[in-house]
Amino acid sequence: MRTKQYTNINILQQTIYKKVLDSDIKILELDDAVALPFVYLDSGAIRRAGGILDKENNFVEESGSRQGYLKYGKAYNIDDSKVEFVDEEVIWFGYYYSHWGHFIIELIGRMWALLDNYNNQKIVYISQDGDSFSGVFLEFMSYLGVPKENIVKIDKPTRFSKIIIPDYSATEYHYSDKYIRLIDKVISGSDYENCDFPINENIYLSRKKVKDSKIKDFGESEIENKFLENCFVSVSPEKLSLREQISLWNKSKNIVCINGTLPLNIIFTREKINLIVLNKTNIIHEALISIHSVFDKAEITYIDVFYDKYKSLTKNIGVGPFFLHLSPQLKDFFKDNQFKTFKNSSIETIKMKTYLLKYKIFKIYGDYYYLLPKYYYKLKKKFT
């Protein structure tokens, strides 16, 4: 019997995510090829420039991506006399962006090439200034057998004796069995079975300590507290190692989280769990629907918790802003599952007006969608 849902969103919507054959995922090997560092262009369909030139200085289309939100890959003029030569064979990672959801769903896909024949080559990548592999991103690569020193950012045009360019085994729009094997390799490499975390089978994944949460998420605390009253333990996933997170997604019985990047971690689940996804907007999260169709160990219950009056302010599922509350749908879920229930009150309306005022203040300090970090820290002192 299908799990009861508490949402008006069409969670059964078909996406264009499709499976491709492993035989369609190829590797291109180029001798004397040049890796171009990242350059951000002001205009054009492809604004993230950089990628690979062959030995005749022709741009190699396979080194970029023409699909999805993170399209990249374009040539630009360079001074050939200043191109450094490195007599090494390297593997092309492509564009790196330190956003966990994009990383695991669409950016890591070339690394299937490490599964069977990795010979300790350097993994070279491009990214915007200051955006380098660290934390759980490095840990992910370590479980594929790649040490930190083998992950190299291209900061200047560099010619290598050979560059290996694997096709993407997964993007926003397709996946192959190579991608599943890639994730399986990371799971096995993490040795999560011998990890002591978590210590409770009921987990609430909180966003409250995420750096930008206070400038785009409003109202989560009240929702989180209601789950804590019902024997859930709050966990801030950004404070955990990847090993601990993989353990959590395999050893917990019930996980609650806000829709967005957090539920995408079902790719690491190999044991059946109950996942409660709190919809922060009425915008459909197609990526979650897509990967749930492949990594189907989670039984997902969707609950609308967004404040309907302000839903039109939300730009997209990543940017926000998101106004959350103790919704009638959440109340029904609590009642149906014999949780301690709650009563709605006029205080909630007052809080929503306060949240809206905070959001407007953030807008005054700088355009909300491109808010600079320095403004965040100034405002954090005011409102915490």
Protein backbone atom coordinates (compact mmCIF):
# COMPACT_ATOMS: atom_id res chain seq x y z
CA MET A 1 0.00 0.00 0.00
CA ARG A 2 1.35 3.41 -0.97
CA THR A 3 2.42 5.70 1.86
CA LYS A 4 -0.15 8.37 2.73
CA GLN A 5 1.01 11.80 1.60
CA TYR A 6 0.37 15.20 3.15
CA THR A 7 0.98 17.41 0.15
CA ASN A 8 -0.79 19.01 -2.79
CA ILE A 9 2.36 18.71 -4.89
CA ASN A 10 2.41 16.05 -7.61
CA ILE A 11 5.13 13.84 -6.17
CA LEU A 12 4.40 11.18 -8.79
CA GLN A 13 5.27 13.54 -11.63
CA GLN A 14 7.38 11.89 -14.31
CA THR A 15 10.78 13.51 -14.88
CA ILE A 16 13.02 13.26 -17.92
CA TYR A 17 15.63 11.33 -15.91
CA LYS A 18 16.55 8.27 -17.94
CA LYS A 19 18.90 5.33 -17.79
CA VAL A 20 21.63 5.05 -20.41
CA LEU A 21 23.68 1.98 -21.22
CA ASP A 22 27.16 1.63 -19.77
CA SER A 23 28.36 1.06 -23.32
CA ASP A 24 27.27 4.60 -24.17
CA ILE A 25 29.57 6.07 -21.49
CA LYS A 26 32.98 6.50 -23.14
CA ILE A 27 36.49 7.69 -22.36
CA LEU A 28 38.40 10.11 -24.59
CA GLU A 29 42.20 10.14 -24.36
CA LEU A 30 44.14 13.12 -25.74
CA ASP A 31 47.89 13.53 -26.10
CA ASP A 32 49.50 16.96 -25.59
CA ALA A 33 46.23 18.55 -24.54
CA VAL A 34 45.83 21.84 -22.66
CA ALA A 35 43.67 22.32 -19.56
CA LEU A 36 42.22 25.84 -19.42
CA PRO A 37 41.40 27.27 -15.98
CA PHE A 38 37.98 28.62 -15.10
CA VAL A 39 37.01 32.05 -16.42
CA TYR A 40 33.60 33.55 -15.72
CA LEU A 41 32.24 35.37 -18.77
CA ASP A 42 29.77 38.24 -18.52
CA SER A 43 27.42 37.01 -21.22
CA GLY A 44 26.56 34.11 -23.45
CA ALA A 45 24.73 30.80 -23.06
CA ILE A 46 27.88 29.26 -21.55
CA ARG A 47 29.24 31.71 -18.99
CA ARG A 48 31.53 29.28 -17.17
CA ALA A 49 34.48 29.07 -19.56
CA GLY A 50 37.41 26.69 -19.36
CA GLY A 51 38.01 23.08 -20.31
CA ILE A 52 40.33 21.15 -22.63
CA LEU A 53 42.04 22.08 -25.91
CA ASP A 54 43.48 19.35 -28.10
CA LYS A 55 47.02 19.60 -29.49
CA GLU A 56 45.72 21.69 -32.42
CA ASN A 57 44.11 24.08 -29.89
CA ASN A 58 40.57 23.05 -30.80
CA PHE A 59 38.13 23.07 -27.91
CA VAL A 60 37.07 19.57 -26.83
CA GLU A 61 33.30 19.60 -26.31
CA GLU A 62 33.43 16.44 -24.18
CA SER A 63 35.37 18.37 -21.53
CA GLY A 64 32.36 20.58 -20.73
CA SER A 65 28.66 20.14 -20.12
CA ARG A 66 25.82 21.62 -22.13
CA GLN A 67 23.06 20.46 -19.80
CA GLY A 68 21.48 21.61 -16.58
CA TYR A 69 21.99 24.42 -14.12
CA LEU A 70 25.81 24.17 -14.12
CA LYS A 71 26.52 24.34 -17.83
CA TYR A 72 30.21 24.98 -18.46
CA GLY A 73 33.02 24.61 -20.97
CA LYS A 74 34.25 27.16 -23.50
CA ALA A 75 37.56 28.22 -25.01
CA TYR A 76 39.10 31.68 -24.75
CA ASN A 77 42.30 33.31 -25.98
CA ILE A 78 45.56 32.36 -24.28
CA ASP A 79 49.24 33.13 -24.83
CA ASP A 80 50.74 29.85 -26.10
CA SER A 81 54.21 30.94 -24.98
CA LYS A 82 53.02 30.97 -21.35
CA VAL A 83 51.43 27.52 -21.35
CA GLU A 84 53.24 25.29 -18.86
CA PHE A 85 54.03 21.69 -19.87
CA VAL A 86 53.67 18.83 -17.39
CA ASP A 87 54.81 15.40 -18.53
CA GLU A 88 52.03 13.47 -16.79
CA GLU A 89 48.86 11.56 -17.57
CA VAL A 90 45.90 13.09 -15.72
CA ILE A 91 42.17 12.44 -15.41
CA TRP A 92 39.74 15.27 -16.08
CA PHE A 93 37.18 15.88 -13.32
CA GLY A 94 35.71 18.96 -14.95
CA TYR A 95 33.94 21.78 -13.16
CA TYR A 96 33.85 21.65 -9.36
CA TYR A 97 31.36 23.60 -7.26
CA SER A 98 31.24 23.15 -3.50
CA HIS A 99 27.51 22.55 -3.29
CA TRP A 100 26.81 19.06 -1.99
CA GLY A 101 23.63 18.42 -3.96
CA HIS A 102 25.13 19.41 -7.30
CA PHE A 103 28.35 17.55 -6.46
CA ILE A 104 26.76 14.15 -5.82
CA ILE A 105 24.07 14.34 -8.49
CA GLU A 106 25.82 15.88 -11.49
CA LEU A 107 29.50 16.76 -10.91
CA ILE A 108 31.01 13.52 -9.65
CA GLY A 109 29.83 11.49 -12.63
CA ARG A 110 33.15 11.31 -14.52
CA MET A 111 34.82 9.51 -11.63
CA TRP A 112 33.48 6.10 -12.63
CA ALA A 113 36.80 5.90 -14.47
CA LEU A 114 38.50 5.29 -11.10
CA LEU A 115 36.57 2.12 -10.35
CA ASP A 116 38.64 -0.48 -12.18
CA ASN A 117 41.81 1.07 -13.56
CA TYR A 118 42.94 3.91 -11.34
CA ASN A 119 46.73 4.15 -11.49
CA ASN A 120 47.30 6.99 -9.05
CA GLN A 121 46.96 9.70 -11.70
CA LYS A 122 46.27 13.28 -10.72
CA ILE A 123 42.63 14.34 -10.87
CA VAL A 124 42.50 17.84 -12.39
CA TYR A 125 39.57 20.21 -12.12
CA ILE A 126 38.52 23.83 -12.63
CA SER A 127 36.47 26.05 -10.35
CA GLN A 128 35.87 29.64 -9.40
CA ASP A 129 38.41 31.46 -7.26
CA GLY A 130 38.54 30.15 -3.71
CA ASP A 131 36.37 27.10 -4.46
CA SER A 132 38.63 24.12 -3.81
CA PHE A 133 38.11 20.54 -2.61
CA SER A 134 37.85 20.28 1.17
CA GLY A 135 35.85 18.55 3.91
CA VAL A 136 33.32 15.94 2.83
CA PHE A 137 34.19 16.53 -0.84
CA LEU A 138 37.76 15.38 -0.20
CA GLU A 139 36.45 12.54 1.94
CA PHE A 140 34.22 11.38 -0.92
CA MET A 141 37.23 11.23 -3.22
CA SER A 142 39.30 9.40 -0.60
CA TYR A 143 36.75 6.56 -0.58
CA LEU A 144 37.41 6.23 -4.31
CA GLY A 145 41.09 5.77 -3.52
CA VAL A 146 42.24 9.30 -4.40
CA PRO A 147 44.56 11.00 -1.86
CA LYS A 148 44.29 14.75 -1.28
CA GLU A 149 47.61 15.48 -3.00
CA ASN A 150 46.32 13.92 -6.22
CA ILE A 151 43.47 16.42 -6.59
CA VAL A 152 44.82 19.42 -8.46
CA LYS A 153 43.10 22.65 -9.40
CA ILE A 154 44.03 24.15 -12.77
CA ASP A 155 44.93 27.79 -12.08
CA LYS A 156 46.83 28.49 -15.31
CA PRO A 157 46.80 27.01 -18.82
CA THR A 158 48.69 23.73 -18.57
CA ARG A 159 49.62 21.22 -21.26
CA PHE A 160 49.76 17.60 -20.14
CA SER A 161 51.30 14.69 -22.02
CA LYS A 162 47.91 12.96 -21.78
CA ILE A 163 44.47 13.96 -20.50
CA ILE A 164 41.81 11.31 -19.95
CA ILE A 165 38.25 12.66 -20.28
CA PRO A 166 35.54 10.25 -19.08
CA ASP A 167 31.92 10.90 -20.06
CA TYR A 168 29.51 11.74 -17.27
CA SER A 169 27.87 8.60 -15.90
CA ALA A 170 25.19 10.82 -14.32
CA THR A 171 23.78 14.32 -14.78
CA GLU A 172 20.48 15.96 -13.89
CA TYR A 173 18.99 14.11 -16.84
CA HIS A 174 20.54 10.65 -17.03
CA TYR A 175 22.34 7.95 -15.08
CA SER A 176 23.95 4.61 -15.79
CA ASP A 177 24.94 1.56 -13.77
CA LYS A 178 28.45 3.05 -13.66
CA TYR A 179 27.08 5.83 -11.46
CA ILE A 180 25.45 3.34 -9.09
CA ARG A 181 28.74 1.42 -8.87
CA LEU A 182 30.53 4.69 -8.15
CA ILE A 183 28.26 5.43 -5.19
CA ASP A 184 28.51 1.81 -4.01
CA LYS A 185 32.31 2.19 -4.01
CA VAL A 186 32.08 5.26 -1.79
CA ILE A 187 29.70 3.51 0.61
CA SER A 188 31.94 0.44 0.95
CA GLY A 189 35.04 2.62 1.25
CA SER A 190 33.51 4.55 4.15
CA ASP A 191 33.36 1.44 6.37
CA TYR A 192 30.20 2.92 7.90
CA GLU A 193 29.28 -0.40 9.54
CA ASN A 194 31.98 0.22 12.14
CA CYS A 195 30.91 3.81 12.80
CA ASP A 196 29.19 4.44 16.15
CA PHE A 197 26.95 7.18 14.74
CA PRO A 198 23.97 7.74 15.07
CA ILE A 199 22.91 6.94 18.62
CA ASN A 200 19.17 7.26 17.96
CA GLU A 201 16.94 5.67 15.32
CA ASN A 202 14.81 8.81 14.93
CA ILE A 203 16.73 11.72 13.39
CA TYR A 204 15.73 15.29 12.55
CA LEU A 205 18.24 16.84 10.13
CA SER A 206 18.37 20.51 11.04
CA ARG A 207 19.31 23.40 8.76
CA LYS A 208 19.53 25.95 11.56
CA LYS A 209 23.34 25.96 11.67
CA VAL A 210 23.83 26.24 7.90
CA LYS A 211 25.57 29.54 7.16
CA ASP A 212 22.88 31.08 5.00
CA SER A 213 19.87 29.60 6.79
CA LYS A 214 19.09 32.73 8.79
CA ILE A 215 18.75 34.80 5.63
CA LYS A 216 16.49 32.44 3.70
CA ASP A 217 14.84 29.90 6.06
CA PHE A 218 12.19 31.25 8.41
CA GLY A 219 10.19 29.17 10.88
CA GLU A 220 12.09 25.87 11.02
CA SER A 221 12.67 26.04 14.79
CA GLU A 222 9.00 25.57 15.66
CA ILE A 223 8.75 22.53 13.38
CA GLU A 224 11.98 21.02 14.67
CA ASN A 225 10.89 21.42 18.29
CA LYS A 226 7.69 19.47 17.64
CA PHE A 227 9.69 16.53 16.33
CA LEU A 228 12.06 16.74 19.30
CA GLU A 229 9.02 16.50 21.58
CA ASN A 230 8.25 13.22 19.82
CA CYS A 231 11.55 11.45 20.55
CA PHE A 232 13.55 12.65 17.55
CA VAL A 233 17.15 13.80 17.94
CA SER A 234 18.34 16.90 16.09
CA VAL A 235 21.49 16.55 14.00
CA SER A 236 23.28 19.20 11.96
CA PRO A 237 24.65 17.19 8.99
CA GLU A 238 27.15 19.86 7.96
CA LYS A 239 28.95 19.17 11.27
CA LEU A 240 29.37 15.46 10.44
CA SER A 241 31.97 13.58 8.45
CA LEU A 242 30.77 11.85 5.30
CA ARG A 243 31.33 8.50 7.02
CA GLU A 244 29.00 9.55 9.84
CA GLN A 245 26.41 10.74 7.35
CA ILE A 246 26.52 7.49 5.40
CA SER A 247 26.15 5.61 8.68
CA LEU A 248 23.18 7.79 9.61
CA TRP A 249 21.44 7.11 6.31
CA ASN A 250 21.86 3.35 6.81
CA LYS A 251 21.32 2.89 10.54
CA SER A 252 18.44 5.25 11.25
CA LYS A 253 14.85 4.08 11.11
CA ASN A 254 13.14 7.45 10.62
CA ILE A 255 14.71 10.60 9.16
CA VAL A 256 13.01 13.99 8.89
CA CYS A 257 14.43 16.82 6.77
CA ILE A 258 13.52 19.93 4.83
CA ASN A 259 13.27 19.35 1.08
CA GLY A 260 16.33 20.42 -0.90
CA THR A 261 19.85 18.98 -0.77
CA LEU A 262 19.35 16.94 2.42
CA PRO A 263 17.03 14.21 1.06
CA LEU A 264 19.29 13.72 -1.98
CA ASN A 265 21.52 11.72 0.36
CA ILE A 266 19.20 8.75 -0.18
CA ILE A 267 21.79 7.75 -2.79
CA PHE A 268 23.81 6.42 0.18
CA THR A 269 20.95 4.38 1.62
CA ARG A 270 21.16 0.63 1.25
CA GLU A 271 18.87 -0.28 4.16
CA LYS A 272 15.14 0.46 4.15
CA ILE A 273 14.29 3.69 5.98
CA ASN A 274 11.30 5.97 6.44
CA LEU A 275 12.08 9.45 5.15
CA ILE A 276 9.83 12.40 5.98
CA VAL A 277 10.40 15.28 3.56
CA LEU A 278 9.09 18.68 4.61
CA ASN A 279 8.18 20.73 1.55
CA LYS A 280 9.47 24.29 2.00
CA THR A 281 7.87 25.44 -1.27
CA ASN A 282 5.24 24.33 -3.75
CA ILE A 283 7.96 24.01 -6.41
CA ILE A 284 8.53 20.38 -7.39
CA HIS A 285 11.99 19.02 -6.57
CA GLU A 286 12.53 16.99 -9.72
CA ALA A 287 16.03 15.83 -8.76
CA LEU A 288 14.69 14.08 -5.66
CA ILE A 289 11.89 12.42 -7.62
CA SER A 290 14.43 11.29 -10.23
CA ILE A 291 16.98 9.71 -7.93
CA HIS A 292 14.31 8.18 -5.68
CA SER A 293 13.22 6.20 -8.73
CA VAL A 294 16.72 4.70 -8.84
CA PHE A 295 17.81 4.58 -5.19
CA ASP A 296 14.49 3.35 -3.85
CA LYS A 297 15.33 2.10 -0.37
CA ALA A 298 13.59 5.08 1.27
CA GLU A 299 9.86 5.15 1.84
CA ILE A 300 9.17 8.87 1.44
CA THR A 301 6.35 10.81 3.08
CA TYR A 302 5.97 14.38 1.83
CA ILE A 303 4.44 17.05 4.09
CA ASP A 304 3.70 20.64 3.04
CA VAL A 305 4.99 23.06 5.68
CA PHE A 306 5.38 26.20 3.57
CA TYR A 307 3.28 29.23 4.42
CA ASP A 308 0.94 29.53 1.46
CA LYS A 309 0.52 33.31 1.77
CA TYR A 310 4.20 33.96 0.99
CA LYS A 311 4.95 31.14 -1.47
CA SER A 312 5.15 33.57 -4.40
CA LEU A 313 8.28 35.14 -2.86
CA THR A 314 10.26 31.92 -3.36
CA LYS A 315 12.49 32.19 -6.42
CA ASN A 316 13.46 28.51 -6.65
CA ILE A 317 14.01 25.48 -4.44
CA GLY A 318 17.59 26.47 -3.69
CA VAL A 319 17.53 30.23 -3.26
CA GLY A 320 14.34 30.86 -1.31
CA PRO A 321 13.20 32.62 0.75
CA PHE A 322 11.21 29.93 2.57
CA PHE A 323 8.51 30.69 5.13
CA LEU A 324 7.68 27.58 7.16
CA HIS A 325 5.02 26.96 9.79
CA LEU A 326 3.13 24.32 11.75
CA SER A 327 0.82 23.57 8.87
CA PRO A 328 -2.51 21.72 8.91
CA GLN A 329 -0.83 18.96 6.87
CA LEU A 330 1.86 18.55 9.54
CA LYS A 331 -0.79 18.47 12.23
CA ASP A 332 -2.64 15.70 10.36
CA PHE A 333 0.60 13.71 10.03
CA PHE A 334 1.23 13.96 13.78
CA LYS A 335 -2.31 12.82 14.53
CA ASP A 336 -2.19 9.89 12.10
CA ASN A 337 1.11 8.66 13.58
CA GLN A 338 0.10 8.94 17.23
CA PHE A 339 2.60 11.75 17.88
CA LYS A 340 2.06 14.41 20.47
CA THR A 341 -0.11 16.88 18.62
CA PHE A 342 -0.14 20.66 18.77
CA LYS A 343 -2.55 23.54 18.51
CA ASN A 344 -2.21 26.40 16.08
CA SER A 345 -2.35 29.87 17.57
CA SER A 346 -2.37 33.54 16.64
CA ILE A 347 1.27 33.72 17.81
CA GLU A 348 2.26 31.89 14.62
CA THR A 349 0.79 34.67 12.48
CA ILE A 350 2.72 37.25 14.46
CA LYS A 351 5.94 35.27 13.97
CA MET A 352 5.36 35.08 10.22
CA LYS A 353 5.04 38.86 10.07
CA THR A 354 8.32 39.14 11.99
CA TYR A 355 10.02 36.75 9.55
CA LEU A 356 8.74 38.77 6.60
CA LEU A 357 10.14 41.95 8.18
CA LYS A 358 13.55 40.29 8.62
CA TYR A 359 13.51 39.20 4.99
CA LYS A 360 12.74 42.75 3.84
CA ILE A 361 15.61 44.07 5.96
CA PHE A 362 17.97 41.58 4.34
CA LYS A 363 16.81 42.86 0.95
CA ILE A 364 17.71 46.41 1.98
CA TYR A 365 21.26 45.42 2.92
CA GLY A 366 21.91 44.00 -0.51
CA ASP A 367 20.17 42.13 -3.27
CA TYR A 368 18.84 39.04 -1.46
CA TYR A 369 19.83 36.53 -4.13
CA TYR A 370 23.49 37.64 -4.19
CA LEU A 371 23.90 38.61 -0.53
CA LEU A 372 27.56 39.01 0.38
CA PRO A 373 28.88 37.02 3.35
CA LYS A 374 29.89 40.18 5.23
CA TYR A 375 26.23 41.22 5.36
CA TYR A 376 25.28 37.83 6.74
CA TYR A 377 27.63 38.17 9.69
CA LYS A 378 26.43 41.72 10.44
CA LEU A 379 22.81 40.61 10.37
CA LYS A 380 23.48 37.47 12.37
CA LYS A 381 24.55 39.64 15.31
CA LYS A 382 21.32 41.62 15.05
CA PHE A 383 18.89 38.74 14.90
CA THR A 384 20.53 36.08 17.09
